[in-house]
PDB file of N, CA and C in Angstrom:
ATOM      1  N   MET A   1      -3.662  17.587  -2.213  1.00  0.00           N
ATOM      2  CA  MET A   1      -4.155  16.728  -1.163  1.00  0.00           C
ATOM      3  C   MET A   1      -3.438  15.376  -1.231  1.00  0.00           C
ATOM      4  N   LEU A   2      -3.133  14.855  -0.072  1.00  0.00           N
ATOM      5  CA  LEU A   2      -2.522  13.544   0.020  1.00  0.00           C
ATOM      6  C   LEU A   2      -3.605  12.487   0.149  1.00  0.00           C
ATOM      7  N   ARG A   3      -3.270  11.281  -0.265  1.00  0.00           N
ATOM      8  CA  ARG A   3      -4.164  10.132  -0.142  1.00  0.00           C
ATOM      9  C   ARG A   3      -3.396   9.054   0.602  1.00  0.00           C
ATOM     10  N   ILE A   4      -4.057   8.428   1.570  1.00  0.00           N
ATOM     11  CA  ILE A   4      -3.439   7.335   2.305  1.00  0.00           C
ATOM     12  C   ILE A   4      -4.291   6.090   2.149  1.00  0.00           C
ATOM     13  N   TYR A   5      -3.642   5.001   1.756  1.00  0.00           N
ATOM     14  CA  TYR A   5      -4.283   3.691   1.726  1.00  0.00           C
ATOM     15  C   TYR A   5      -4.060   3.124   3.121  1.00  0.00           C
ATOM     16  N   HIS A   6      -5.136   3.096   3.895  1.00  0.00           N
ATOM     17  CA  HIS A   6      -5.067   2.978   5.347  1.00  0.00           C
ATOM     18  C   HIS A   6      -5.773   1.731   5.859  1.00  0.00           C
ATOM     19  N   ASN A   7      -5.158   1.123   6.867  1.00  0.00           N
ATOM     20  CA  ASN A   7      -5.776   0.039   7.625  1.00  0.00           C
ATOM     21  C   ASN A   7      -5.778   0.497   9.074  1.00  0.00           C
ATOM     22  N   HIS A   8      -6.965   0.798   9.597  1.00  0.00           N
ATOM     23  CA  HIS A   8      -7.056   1.358  10.950  1.00  0.00           C
ATOM     24  C   HIS A   8      -6.590   0.384  12.026  1.00  0.00           C
ATOM     25  N   ARG A   9      -6.470  -0.897  11.705  1.00  0.00           N
ATOM     26  CA  ARG A   9      -5.992  -1.879  12.684  1.00  0.00           C
ATOM     27  C   ARG A   9      -4.468  -1.942  12.746  1.00  0.00           C
ATOM     28  N   CYS A  10      -3.797  -1.275  11.824  1.00  0.00           N
ATOM     29  CA  CYS A  10      -2.337  -1.319  11.733  1.00  0.00           C
ATOM     30  C   CYS A  10      -1.725  -0.120  12.451  1.00  0.00           C
ATOM     31  N   SER A  11      -0.857  -0.381  13.400  1.00  0.00           N
ATOM     32  CA  SER A  11      -0.243   0.714  14.165  1.00  0.00           C
ATOM     33  C   SER A  11       0.613   1.609  13.272  1.00  0.00           C
ATOM     34  N   LYS A  12       1.301   1.045  12.292  1.00  0.00           N
ATOM     35  CA  LYS A  12       2.130   1.855  11.381  1.00  0.00           C
ATOM     36  C   LYS A  12       1.255   2.768  10.534  1.00  0.00           C
ATOM     37  N   SER A  13       0.124   2.257  10.097  1.00  0.00           N
ATOM     38  CA  SER A  13      -0.797   3.055   9.293  1.00  0.00           C
ATOM     39  C   SER A  13      -1.397   4.184  10.141  1.00  0.00           C
ATOM     40  N   ARG A  14      -1.796   3.864  11.354  1.00  0.00           N
ATOM     41  CA  ARG A  14      -2.341   4.891  12.262  1.00  0.00           C
ATOM     42  C   ARG A  14      -1.292   5.958  12.559  1.00  0.00           C
ATOM     43  N   ALA A  15      -0.043   5.543  12.750  1.00  0.00           N
ATOM     44  CA  ALA A  15       1.032   6.500  13.048  1.00  0.00           C
ATOM     45  C   ALA A  15       1.282   7.427  11.860  1.00  0.00           C
ATOM     46  N   ALA A  16       1.269   6.891  10.657  1.00  0.00           N
ATOM     47  CA  ALA A  16       1.491   7.723   9.467  1.00  0.00           C
ATOM     48  C   ALA A  16       0.363   8.728   9.297  1.00  0.00           C
ATOM     49  N   LEU A  17      -0.877   8.291   9.485  1.00  0.00           N
ATOM     50  CA  LEU A  17      -2.021   9.194   9.362  1.00  0.00           C
ATOM     51  C   LEU A  17      -1.953  10.285  10.426  1.00  0.00           C
ATOM     52  N   ALA A  18      -1.632   9.907  11.646  1.00  0.00           N
ATOM     53  CA  ALA A  18      -1.529  10.893  12.728  1.00  0.00           C
ATOM     54  C   ALA A  18      -0.432  11.915  12.438  1.00  0.00           C
ATOM     55  N   LEU A  19       0.681  11.470  11.919  1.00  0.00           N
ATOM     56  CA  LEU A  19       1.788  12.370  11.599  1.00  0.00           C
ATOM     57  C   LEU A  19       1.371  13.379  10.536  1.00  0.00           C
ATOM     58  N   LEU A  20       0.678  12.925   9.515  1.00  0.00           N
ATOM     59  CA  LEU A  20       0.196  13.843   8.483  1.00  0.00           C
ATOM     60  C   LEU A  20      -0.792  14.846   9.066  1.00  0.00           C
ATOM     61  N   GLN A  21      -1.681  14.383   9.909  1.00  0.00           N
ATOM     62  CA  GLN A  21      -2.661  15.273  10.517  1.00  0.00           C
ATOM     63  C   GLN A  21      -1.990  16.283  11.445  1.00  0.00           C
ATOM     64  N   GLN A  22      -0.945  15.871  12.144  1.00  0.00           N
ATOM     65  CA  GLN A  22      -0.191  16.786  13.006  1.00  0.00           C
ATOM     66  C   GLN A  22       0.451  17.909  12.208  1.00  0.00           C
ATOM     67  N   HIS A  23       0.765  17.634  10.950  1.00  0.00           N
ATOM     68  CA  HIS A  23       1.356  18.639  10.077  1.00  0.00           C
ATOM     69  C   HIS A  23       0.290  19.463   9.352  1.00  0.00           C
ATOM     70  N   GLY A  24      -0.970  19.255   9.721  1.00  0.00           N
ATOM     71  CA  GLY A  24      -2.056  20.055   9.165  1.00  0.00           C
ATOM     72  C   GLY A  24      -2.369  19.762   7.708  1.00  0.00           C
ATOM     73  N   VAL A  25      -2.020  18.577   7.267  1.00  0.00           N
ATOM     74  CA  VAL A  25      -2.221  18.204   5.875  1.00  0.00           C
ATOM     75  C   VAL A  25      -3.626  17.615   5.702  1.00  0.00           C
ATOM     76  N   GLU A  26      -4.285  18.024   4.626  1.00  0.00           N
ATOM     77  CA  GLU A  26      -5.573  17.431   4.286  1.00  0.00           C
ATOM     78  C   GLU A  26      -5.296  16.078   3.647  1.00  0.00           C
ATOM     79  N   VAL A  27      -5.929  15.040   4.185  1.00  0.00           N
ATOM     80  CA  VAL A  27      -5.651  13.675   3.750  1.00  0.00           C
ATOM     81  C   VAL A  27      -6.956  12.980   3.374  1.00  0.00           C
ATOM     82  N   GLU A  28      -6.961  12.393   2.180  1.00  0.00           N
ATOM     83  CA  GLU A  28      -8.065  11.526   1.787  1.00  0.00           C
ATOM     84  C   GLU A  28      -7.715  10.122   2.255  1.00  0.00           C
ATOM     85  N   VAL A  29      -8.566   9.546   3.084  1.00  0.00           N
ATOM     86  CA  VAL A  29      -8.306   8.223   3.641  1.00  0.00           C
ATOM     87  C   VAL A  29      -9.059   7.173   2.821  1.00  0.00           C
ATOM     88  N   ILE A  30      -8.303   6.232   2.291  1.00  0.00           N
ATOM     89  CA  ILE A  30      -8.866   5.115   1.542  1.00  0.00           C
ATOM     90  C   ILE A  30      -8.722   3.867   2.414  1.00  0.00           C
ATOM     91  N   HIS A  31      -9.834   3.324   2.850  1.00  0.00           N
ATOM     92  CA  HIS A  31      -9.814   2.082   3.631  1.00  0.00           C
ATOM     93  C   HIS A  31      -9.737   0.925   2.631  1.00  0.00           C
ATOM     94  N   TYR A  32      -8.501   0.586   2.256  1.00  0.00           N
ATOM     95  CA  TYR A  32      -8.281  -0.304   1.125  1.00  0.00           C
ATOM     96  C   TYR A  32      -8.739  -1.738   1.378  1.00  0.00           C
ATOM     97  N   LEU A  33      -8.943  -2.130   2.629  1.00  0.00           N
ATOM     98  CA  LEU A  33      -9.478  -3.467   2.871  1.00  0.00           C
ATOM     99  C   LEU A  33     -10.959  -3.520   2.497  1.00  0.00           C
ATOM    100  N   ASP A  34     -11.654  -2.388   2.652  1.00  0.00           N
ATOM    101  CA  ASP A  34     -13.075  -2.304   2.298  1.00  0.00           C
ATOM    102  C   ASP A  34     -13.268  -1.989   0.820  1.00  0.00           C
ATOM    103  N   THR A  35     -12.403  -1.150   0.273  1.00  0.00           N
ATOM    104  CA  THR A  35     -12.475  -0.767  -1.147  1.00  0.00           C
ATOM    105  C   THR A  35     -11.088  -0.941  -1.757  1.00  0.00           C
ATOM    106  N   PRO A  36     -10.753  -2.176  -2.122  1.00  0.00           N
ATOM    107  CA  PRO A  36      -9.414  -2.444  -2.658  1.00  0.00           C
ATOM    108  C   PRO A  36      -9.171  -1.710  -3.969  1.00  0.00           C
ATOM    109  N   PRO A  37      -7.926  -1.352  -4.222  1.00  0.00           N
ATOM    110  CA  PRO A  37      -7.610  -0.737  -5.510  1.00  0.00           C
ATOM    111  C   PRO A  37      -7.808  -1.756  -6.637  1.00  0.00           C
ATOM    112  N   SER A  38      -8.174  -1.253  -7.801  1.00  0.00           N
ATOM    113  CA  SER A  38      -8.285  -2.113  -8.974  1.00  0.00           C
ATOM    114  C   SER A  38      -6.873  -2.483  -9.435  1.00  0.00           C
ATOM    115  N   ALA A  39      -6.811  -3.400 -10.386  1.00  0.00           N
ATOM    116  CA  ALA A  39      -5.504  -3.778 -10.947  1.00  0.00           C
ATOM    117  C   ALA A  39      -4.823  -2.564 -11.571  1.00  0.00           C
ATOM    118  N   ALA A  40      -5.596  -1.718 -12.259  1.00  0.00           N
ATOM    119  CA  ALA A  40      -5.018  -0.511 -12.872  1.00  0.00           C
ATOM    120  C   ALA A  40      -4.517   0.458 -11.808  1.00  0.00           C
ATOM    121  N   GLU A  41      -5.286   0.645 -10.745  1.00  0.00           N
ATOM    122  CA  GLU A  41      -4.857   1.538  -9.661  1.00  0.00           C
ATOM    123  C   GLU A  41      -3.608   0.998  -8.980  1.00  0.00           C
ATOM    124  N   LEU A  42      -3.583  -0.294  -8.748  1.00  0.00           N
ATOM    125  CA  LEU A  42      -2.421  -0.900  -8.104  1.00  0.00           C
ATOM    126  C   LEU A  42      -1.180  -0.795  -8.989  1.00  0.00           C
ATOM    127  N   THR A  43      -1.371  -0.972 -10.273  1.00  0.00           N
ATOM    128  CA  THR A  43      -0.263  -0.817 -11.218  1.00  0.00           C
ATOM    129  C   THR A  43       0.287   0.609 -11.173  1.00  0.00           C
ATOM    130  N   GLU A  44      -0.606   1.585 -11.089  1.00  0.00           N
ATOM    131  CA  GLU A  44      -0.173   2.987 -11.002  1.00  0.00           C
ATOM    132  C   GLU A  44       0.542   3.248  -9.671  1.00  0.00           C
ATOM    133  N   LEU A  45       0.033   2.700  -8.589  1.00  0.00           N
ATOM    134  CA  LEU A  45       0.713   2.852  -7.292  1.00  0.00           C
ATOM    135  C   LEU A  45       2.116   2.261  -7.352  1.00  0.00           C
ATOM    136  N   LEU A  46       2.241   1.104  -7.951  1.00  0.00           N
ATOM    137  CA  LEU A  46       3.564   0.476  -8.084  1.00  0.00           C
ATOM    138  C   LEU A  46       4.505   1.353  -8.899  1.00  0.00           C
ATOM    139  N   ARG A  47       3.985   1.951  -9.964  1.00  0.00           N
ATOM    140  CA  ARG A  47       4.808   2.853 -10.783  1.00  0.00           C
ATOM    141  C   ARG A  47       5.284   4.034  -9.940  1.00  0.00           C
ATOM    142  N   GLN A  48       4.350   4.627  -9.181  1.00  0.00           N
ATOM    143  CA  GLN A  48       4.694   5.778  -8.348  1.00  0.00           C
ATOM    144  C   GLN A  48       5.701   5.404  -7.260  1.00  0.00           C
ATOM    145  N   LEU A  49       5.584   4.202  -6.745  1.00  0.00           N
ATOM    146  CA  LEU A  49       6.500   3.731  -5.702  1.00  0.00           C
ATOM    147  C   LEU A  49       7.848   3.295  -6.276  1.00  0.00           C
ATOM    148  N   GLY A  50       7.863   2.980  -7.558  1.00  0.00           N
ATOM    149  CA  GLY A  50       9.081   2.454  -8.172  1.00  0.00           C
ATOM    150  C   GLY A  50       9.371   1.033  -7.721  1.00  0.00           C
ATOM    151  N   LEU A  51       8.302   0.257  -7.489  1.00  0.00           N
ATOM    152  CA  LEU A  51       8.447  -1.107  -6.998  1.00  0.00           C
ATOM    153  C   LEU A  51       7.849  -2.107  -7.975  1.00  0.00           C
ATOM    154  N   ARG A  52       8.285  -3.326  -7.855  1.00  0.00           N
ATOM    155  CA  ARG A  52       7.688  -4.456  -8.561  1.00  0.00           C
ATOM    156  C   ARG A  52       6.584  -5.020  -7.657  1.00  0.00           C
ATOM    157  N   PRO A  53       5.606  -5.702  -8.210  1.00  0.00           N
ATOM    158  CA  PRO A  53       4.528  -6.251  -7.385  1.00  0.00           C
ATOM    159  C   PRO A  53       5.019  -7.121  -6.225  1.00  0.00           C
ATOM    160  N   ARG A  54       6.029  -7.936  -6.463  1.00  0.00           N
ATOM    161  CA  ARG A  54       6.527  -8.807  -5.390  1.00  0.00           C
ATOM    162  C   ARG A  54       7.050  -7.993  -4.197  1.00  0.00           C
ATOM    163  N   ASP A  55       7.555  -6.785  -4.476  1.00  0.00           N
ATOM    164  CA  ASP A  55       8.097  -5.929  -3.413  1.00  0.00           C
ATOM    165  C   ASP A  55       7.005  -5.334  -2.528  1.00  0.00           C
ATOM    166  N   LEU A  56       5.770  -5.349  -2.992  1.00  0.00           N
ATOM    167  CA  LEU A  56       4.661  -4.751  -2.248  1.00  0.00           C
ATOM    168  C   LEU A  56       3.876  -5.789  -1.454  1.00  0.00           C
ATOM    169  N   LEU A  57       4.219  -7.053  -1.610  1.00  0.00           N
ATOM    170  CA  LEU A  57       3.508  -8.124  -0.913  1.00  0.00           C
ATOM    171  C   LEU A  57       3.945  -8.239   0.538  1.00  0.00           C
ATOM    172  N   ARG A  58       2.968  -8.508   1.392  1.00  0.00           N
ATOM    173  CA  ARG A  58       3.237  -8.802   2.803  1.00  0.00           C
ATOM    174  C   ARG A  58       3.445 -10.315   2.911  1.00  0.00           C
ATOM    175  N   HIS A  59       4.690 -10.725   3.041  1.00  0.00           N
ATOM    176  CA  HIS A  59       5.059 -12.133   3.013  1.00  0.00           C
ATOM    177  C   HIS A  59       4.590 -12.905   4.240  1.00  0.00           C
ATOM    178  N   GLY A  60       4.288 -12.213   5.326  1.00  0.00           N
ATOM    179  CA  GLY A  60       3.877 -12.890   6.555  1.00  0.00           C
ATOM    180  C   GLY A  60       2.396 -13.222   6.633  1.00  0.00           C
ATOM    181  N   GLU A  61       1.623 -12.780   5.667  1.00  0.00           N
ATOM    182  CA  GLU A  61       0.180 -13.043   5.697  1.00  0.00           C
ATOM    183  C   GLU A  61      -0.109 -14.494   5.309  1.00  0.00           C
ATOM    184  N   ALA A  62      -1.136 -15.070   5.930  1.00  0.00           N
ATOM    185  CA  ALA A  62      -1.509 -16.458   5.647  1.00  0.00           C
ATOM    186  C   ALA A  62      -1.818 -16.656   4.164  1.00  0.00           C
ATOM    187  N   GLU A  63      -2.439 -15.655   3.539  1.00  0.00           N
ATOM    188  CA  GLU A  63      -2.793 -15.755   2.122  1.00  0.00           C
ATOM    189  C   GLU A  63      -1.546 -15.884   1.242  1.00  0.00           C
ATOM    190  N   TYR A  64      -0.476 -15.259   1.646  1.00  0.00           N
ATOM    191  CA  TYR A  64       0.768 -15.342   0.875  1.00  0.00           C
ATOM    192  C   TYR A  64       1.194 -16.802   0.738  1.00  0.00           C
ATOM    193  N   LYS A  65       1.147 -17.512   1.851  1.00  0.00           N
ATOM    194  CA  LYS A  65       1.551 -18.920   1.839  1.00  0.00           C
ATOM    195  C   LYS A  65       0.501 -19.794   1.168  1.00  0.00           C
ATOM    196  N   SER A  66      -0.770 -19.590   1.520  1.00  0.00           N
ATOM    197  CA  SER A  66      -1.824 -20.470   0.998  1.00  0.00           C
ATOM    198  C   SER A  66      -2.004 -20.314  -0.515  1.00  0.00           C
ATOM    199  N   LEU A  67      -1.718 -19.144  -1.056  1.00  0.00           N
ATOM    200  CA  LEU A  67      -1.849 -18.915  -2.491  1.00  0.00           C
ATOM    201  C   LEU A  67      -0.570 -19.262  -3.263  1.00  0.00           C
ATOM    202  N   GLY A  68       0.472 -19.651  -2.523  1.00  0.00           N
ATOM    203  CA  GLY A  68       1.732 -20.021  -3.174  1.00  0.00           C
ATOM    204  C   GLY A  68       2.423 -18.849  -3.842  1.00  0.00           C
ATOM    205  N   LEU A  69       2.305 -17.658  -3.249  1.00  0.00           N
ATOM    206  CA  LEU A  69       2.865 -16.459  -3.871  1.00  0.00           C
ATOM    207  C   LEU A  69       4.384 -16.380  -3.782  1.00  0.00           C
ATOM    208  N   ASP A  70       4.983 -17.307  -3.067  1.00  0.00           N
ATOM    209  CA  ASP A  70       6.447 -17.350  -3.024  1.00  0.00           C
ATOM    210  C   ASP A  70       7.024 -18.034  -4.264  1.00  0.00           C
ATOM    211  N   ASP A  71       6.168 -18.528  -5.141  1.00  0.00           N
ATOM    212  CA  ASP A  71       6.595 -19.173  -6.384  1.00  0.00           C
ATOM    213  C   ASP A  71       7.222 -18.124  -7.305  1.00  0.00           C
ATOM    214  N   PRO A  72       8.527 -18.228  -7.567  1.00  0.00           N
ATOM    215  CA  PRO A  72       9.202 -17.212  -8.386  1.00  0.00           C
ATOM    216  C   PRO A  72       8.733 -17.181  -9.839  1.00  0.00           C
ATOM    217  N   SER A  73       8.020 -18.208 -10.279  1.00  0.00           N
ATOM    218  CA  SER A  73       7.551 -18.220 -11.667  1.00  0.00           C
ATOM    219  C   SER A  73       6.282 -17.390 -11.864  1.00  0.00           C
ATOM    220  N   LEU A  74       5.649 -16.946 -10.773  1.00  0.00           N
ATOM    221  CA  LEU A  74       4.446 -16.119 -10.904  1.00  0.00           C
ATOM    222  C   LEU A  74       4.818 -14.751 -11.457  1.00  0.00           C
ATOM    223  N   GLY A  75       4.108 -14.319 -12.467  1.00  0.00           N
ATOM    224  CA  GLY A  75       4.370 -13.034 -13.089  1.00  0.00           C
ATOM    225  C   GLY A  75       3.693 -11.890 -12.360  1.00  0.00           C
ATOM    226  N   ASP A  76       4.008 -10.684 -12.805  1.00  0.00           N
ATOM    227  CA  ASP A  76       3.465  -9.474 -12.185  1.00  0.00           C
ATOM    228  C   ASP A  76       1.939  -9.458 -12.196  1.00  0.00           C
ATOM    229  N   ASP A  77       1.318  -9.857 -13.304  1.00  0.00           N
ATOM    230  CA  ASP A  77      -0.143  -9.834 -13.386  1.00  0.00           C
ATOM    231  C   ASP A  77      -0.775 -10.744 -12.345  1.00  0.00           C
ATOM    232  N   ALA A  78      -0.202 -11.914 -12.117  1.00  0.00           N
ATOM    233  CA  ALA A  78      -0.732 -12.848 -11.123  1.00  0.00           C
ATOM    234  C   ALA A  78      -0.600 -12.269  -9.711  1.00  0.00           C
ATOM    235  N   LEU A  79       0.515 -11.603  -9.442  1.00  0.00           N
ATOM    236  CA  LEU A  79       0.724 -11.021  -8.112  1.00  0.00           C
ATOM    237  C   LEU A  79      -0.216  -9.843  -7.882  1.00  0.00           C
ATOM    238  N   ILE A  80      -0.397  -9.020  -8.907  1.00  0.00           N
ATOM    239  CA  ILE A  80      -1.327  -7.888  -8.791  1.00  0.00           C
ATOM    240  C   ILE A  80      -2.745  -8.409  -8.585  1.00  0.00           C
ATOM    241  N   SER A  81      -3.122  -9.418  -9.323  1.00  0.00           N
ATOM    242  CA  SER A  81      -4.453 -10.011  -9.175  1.00  0.00           C
ATOM    243  C   SER A  81      -4.665 -10.536  -7.757  1.00  0.00           C
ATOM    244  N   ALA A  82      -3.646 -11.173  -7.206  1.00  0.00           N
ATOM    245  CA  ALA A  82      -3.746 -11.679  -5.831  1.00  0.00           C
ATOM    246  C   ALA A  82      -3.945 -10.536  -4.840  1.00  0.00           C
ATOM    247  N   MET A  83      -3.245  -9.410  -5.047  1.00  0.00           N
ATOM    248  CA  MET A  83      -3.397  -8.267  -4.134  1.00  0.00           C
ATOM    249  C   MET A  83      -4.762  -7.610  -4.274  1.00  0.00           C
ATOM    250  N   VAL A  84      -5.300  -7.583  -5.486  1.00  0.00           N
ATOM    251  CA  VAL A  84      -6.632  -7.008  -5.687  1.00  0.00           C
ATOM    252  C   VAL A  84      -7.675  -7.876  -4.997  1.00  0.00           C
ATOM    253  N   THR A  85      -7.551  -9.177  -5.139  1.00  0.00           N
ATOM    254  CA  THR A  85      -8.504 -10.110  -4.540  1.00  0.00           C
ATOM    255  C   THR A  85      -8.321 -10.223  -3.032  1.00  0.00           C
ATOM    256  N   HIS A  86      -7.081 -10.100  -2.570  1.00  0.00           N
ATOM    257  CA  HIS A  86      -6.744 -10.232  -1.144  1.00  0.00           C
ATOM    258  C   HIS A  86      -5.950  -8.994  -0.721  1.00  0.00           C
ATOM    259  N   PRO A  87      -6.622  -7.847  -0.536  1.00  0.00           N
ATOM    260  CA  PRO A  87      -5.902  -6.597  -0.261  1.00  0.00           C
ATOM    261  C   PRO A  87      -5.069  -6.617   1.017  1.00  0.00           C
ATOM    262  N   LYS A  88      -5.336  -7.564   1.885  1.00  0.00           N
ATOM    263  CA  LYS A  88      -4.536  -7.706   3.095  1.00  0.00           C
ATOM    264  C   LYS A  88      -3.062  -7.957   2.757  1.00  0.00           C
ATOM    265  N   LEU A  89      -2.809  -8.441   1.548  1.00  0.00           N
ATOM    266  CA  LEU A  89      -1.451  -8.732   1.097  1.00  0.00           C
ATOM    267  C   LEU A  89      -0.647  -7.478   0.760  1.00  0.00           C
ATOM    268  N   ILE A  90      -1.323  -6.332   0.625  1.00  0.00           N
ATOM    269  CA  ILE A  90      -0.654  -5.095   0.208  1.00  0.00           C
ATOM    270  C   ILE A  90       0.051  -4.465   1.409  1.00  0.00           C
ATOM    271  N   GLU A  91       1.328  -4.159   1.228  1.00  0.00           N
ATOM    272  CA  GLU A  91       2.089  -3.462   2.282  1.00  0.00           C
ATOM    273  C   GLU A  91       1.423  -2.128   2.566  1.00  0.00           C
ATOM    274  N   ARG A  92       1.472  -1.702   3.798  1.00  0.00           N
ATOM    275  CA  ARG A  92       0.782  -0.494   4.212  1.00  0.00           C
ATOM    276  C   ARG A  92       1.619   0.317   5.180  1.00  0.00           C
ATOM    277  N   PRO A  93       1.259   1.560   5.328  1.00  0.00           N
ATOM    278  CA  PRO A  93       0.344   2.365   4.524  1.00  0.00           C
ATOM    279  C   PRO A  93       1.058   2.904   3.285  1.00  0.00           C
ATOM    280  N   ILE A  94       0.292   3.140   2.252  1.00  0.00           N
ATOM    281  CA  ILE A  94       0.812   3.801   1.054  1.00  0.00           C
ATOM    282  C   ILE A  94       0.220   5.197   1.033  1.00  0.00           C
ATOM    283  N   VAL A  95       1.078   6.186   0.852  1.00  0.00           N
ATOM    284  CA  VAL A  95       0.636   7.575   0.782  1.00  0.00           C
ATOM    285  C   VAL A  95       1.050   8.132  -0.570  1.00  0.00           C
ATOM    286  N   THR A  96       0.121   8.839  -1.220  1.00  0.00           N
ATOM    287  CA  THR A  96       0.392   9.408  -2.544  1.00  0.00           C
ATOM    288  C   THR A  96       0.143  10.905  -2.541  1.00  0.00           C
ATOM    289  N   ALA A  97       0.890  11.595  -3.392  1.00  0.00           N
ATOM    290  CA  ALA A  97       0.691  13.030  -3.619  1.00  0.00           C
ATOM    291  C   ALA A  97       1.535  13.444  -4.815  1.00  0.00           C
ATOM    292  N   HIS A  98       0.970  14.293  -5.652  1.00  0.00           N
ATOM    293  CA  HIS A  98       1.719  14.892  -6.761  1.00  0.00           C
ATOM    294  C   HIS A  98       2.386  13.846  -7.672  1.00  0.00           C
ATOM    295  N   GLY A  99       1.703  12.716  -7.897  1.00  0.00           N
ATOM    296  CA  GLY A  99       2.243  11.697  -8.786  1.00  0.00           C
ATOM    297  C   GLY A  99       3.344  10.849  -8.191  1.00  0.00           C
ATOM    298  N   LYS A 100       3.544  10.950  -6.881  1.00  0.00           N
ATOM    299  CA  LYS A 100       4.563  10.166  -6.190  1.00  0.00           C
ATOM    300  C   LYS A 100       3.893   9.394  -5.064  1.00  0.00           C
ATOM    301  N   ALA A 101       4.558   8.357  -4.596  1.00  0.00           N
ATOM    302  CA  ALA A 101       4.032   7.556  -3.497  1.00  0.00           C
ATOM    303  C   ALA A 101       5.174   7.048  -2.633  1.00  0.00           C
ATOM    304  N   VAL A 102       4.867   6.824  -1.362  1.00  0.00           N
ATOM    305  CA  VAL A 102       5.811   6.206  -0.433  1.00  0.00           C
ATOM    306  C   VAL A 102       5.049   5.232   0.455  1.00  0.00           C
ATOM    307  N   ILE A 103       5.780   4.270   0.966  1.00  0.00           N
ATOM    308  CA  ILE A 103       5.242   3.389   1.994  1.00  0.00           C
ATOM    309  C   ILE A 103       5.639   4.005   3.327  1.00  0.00           C
ATOM    310  N   GLY A 104       4.677   4.182   4.196  1.00  0.00           N
ATOM    311  CA  GLY A 104       4.911   4.850   5.476  1.00  0.00           C
ATOM    312  C   GLY A 104       5.526   3.953   6.529  1.00  0.00           C
ATOM    313  N   ARG A 105       6.636   3.349   6.225  1.00  0.00           N
ATOM    314  CA  ARG A 105       7.400   2.524   7.169  1.00  0.00           C
ATOM    315  C   ARG A 105       8.860   2.930   7.037  1.00  0.00           C
ATOM    316  N   PRO A 106       9.358   3.686   7.946  1.00  0.00           N
ATOM    317  CA  PRO A 106       8.718   4.238   9.134  1.00  0.00           C
ATOM    318  C   PRO A 106       7.737   5.347   8.764  1.00  0.00           C
ATOM    319  N   ALA A 107       6.917   5.718   9.724  1.00  0.00           N
ATOM    320  CA  ALA A 107       5.877   6.722   9.486  1.00  0.00           C
ATOM    321  C   ALA A 107       6.462   8.019   8.934  1.00  0.00           C
ATOM    322  N   GLU A 108       7.657   8.382   9.355  1.00  0.00           N
ATOM    323  CA  GLU A 108       8.281   9.631   8.929  1.00  0.00           C
ATOM    324  C   GLU A 108       8.545   9.679   7.420  1.00  0.00           C
ATOM    325  N   ALA A 109       8.536   8.530   6.766  1.00  0.00           N
ATOM    326  CA  ALA A 109       8.755   8.493   5.320  1.00  0.00           C
ATOM    327  C   ALA A 109       7.694   9.304   4.585  1.00  0.00           C
ATOM    328  N   VAL A 110       6.496   9.417   5.157  1.00  0.00           N
ATOM    329  CA  VAL A 110       5.417  10.160   4.477  1.00  0.00           C
ATOM    330  C   VAL A 110       5.732  11.642   4.388  1.00  0.00           C
ATOM    331  N   LEU A 111       6.600  12.129   5.247  1.00  0.00           N
ATOM    332  CA  LEU A 111       6.920  13.564   5.242  1.00  0.00           C
ATOM    333  C   LEU A 111       7.666  13.977   3.976  1.00  0.00           C
ATOM    334  N   THR A 112       8.245  13.034   3.264  1.00  0.00           N
ATOM    335  CA  THR A 112       8.948  13.357   2.028  1.00  0.00           C
ATOM    336  C   THR A 112       7.984  13.859   0.947  1.00  0.00           C
ATOM    337  N   LEU A 113       6.690  13.605   1.120  1.00  0.00           N
ATOM    338  CA  LEU A 113       5.694  14.050   0.142  1.00  0.00           C
ATOM    339  C   LEU A 113       5.162  15.456   0.424  1.00  0.00           C
ATOM    340  N   LEU A 114       5.531  16.016   1.563  1.00  0.00           N
ATOM    341  CA  LEU A 114       5.020  17.344   1.928  1.00  0.00           C
ATOM    342  C   LEU A 114       5.790  18.431   1.201  1.00  0.00           C
TER     343      LEU A 114
END
């Protein structure tokens, strides 16, 4: 089963979910704004994605600027903590399956997990 960290207000997230459903895939939907991943879960997602925390941040969000997350001296733990506290900062959608993860931008990227 695939898992999608989903924001229903995001067109890219909706497109990725629809694409998976069109392929008849059973998908567990995690509304991450309502139930944010823990620091441990986020760390595991980053490992599966092969990304550093800074690579998963949405730089255009107001919280990014107000929290000073563009400061290059901030370490991984501080960035992960910011994403846990402010899940809106997490790039979306993230889809996981079989110990791997992709960001669904473009939506077709999720098909690599099938």
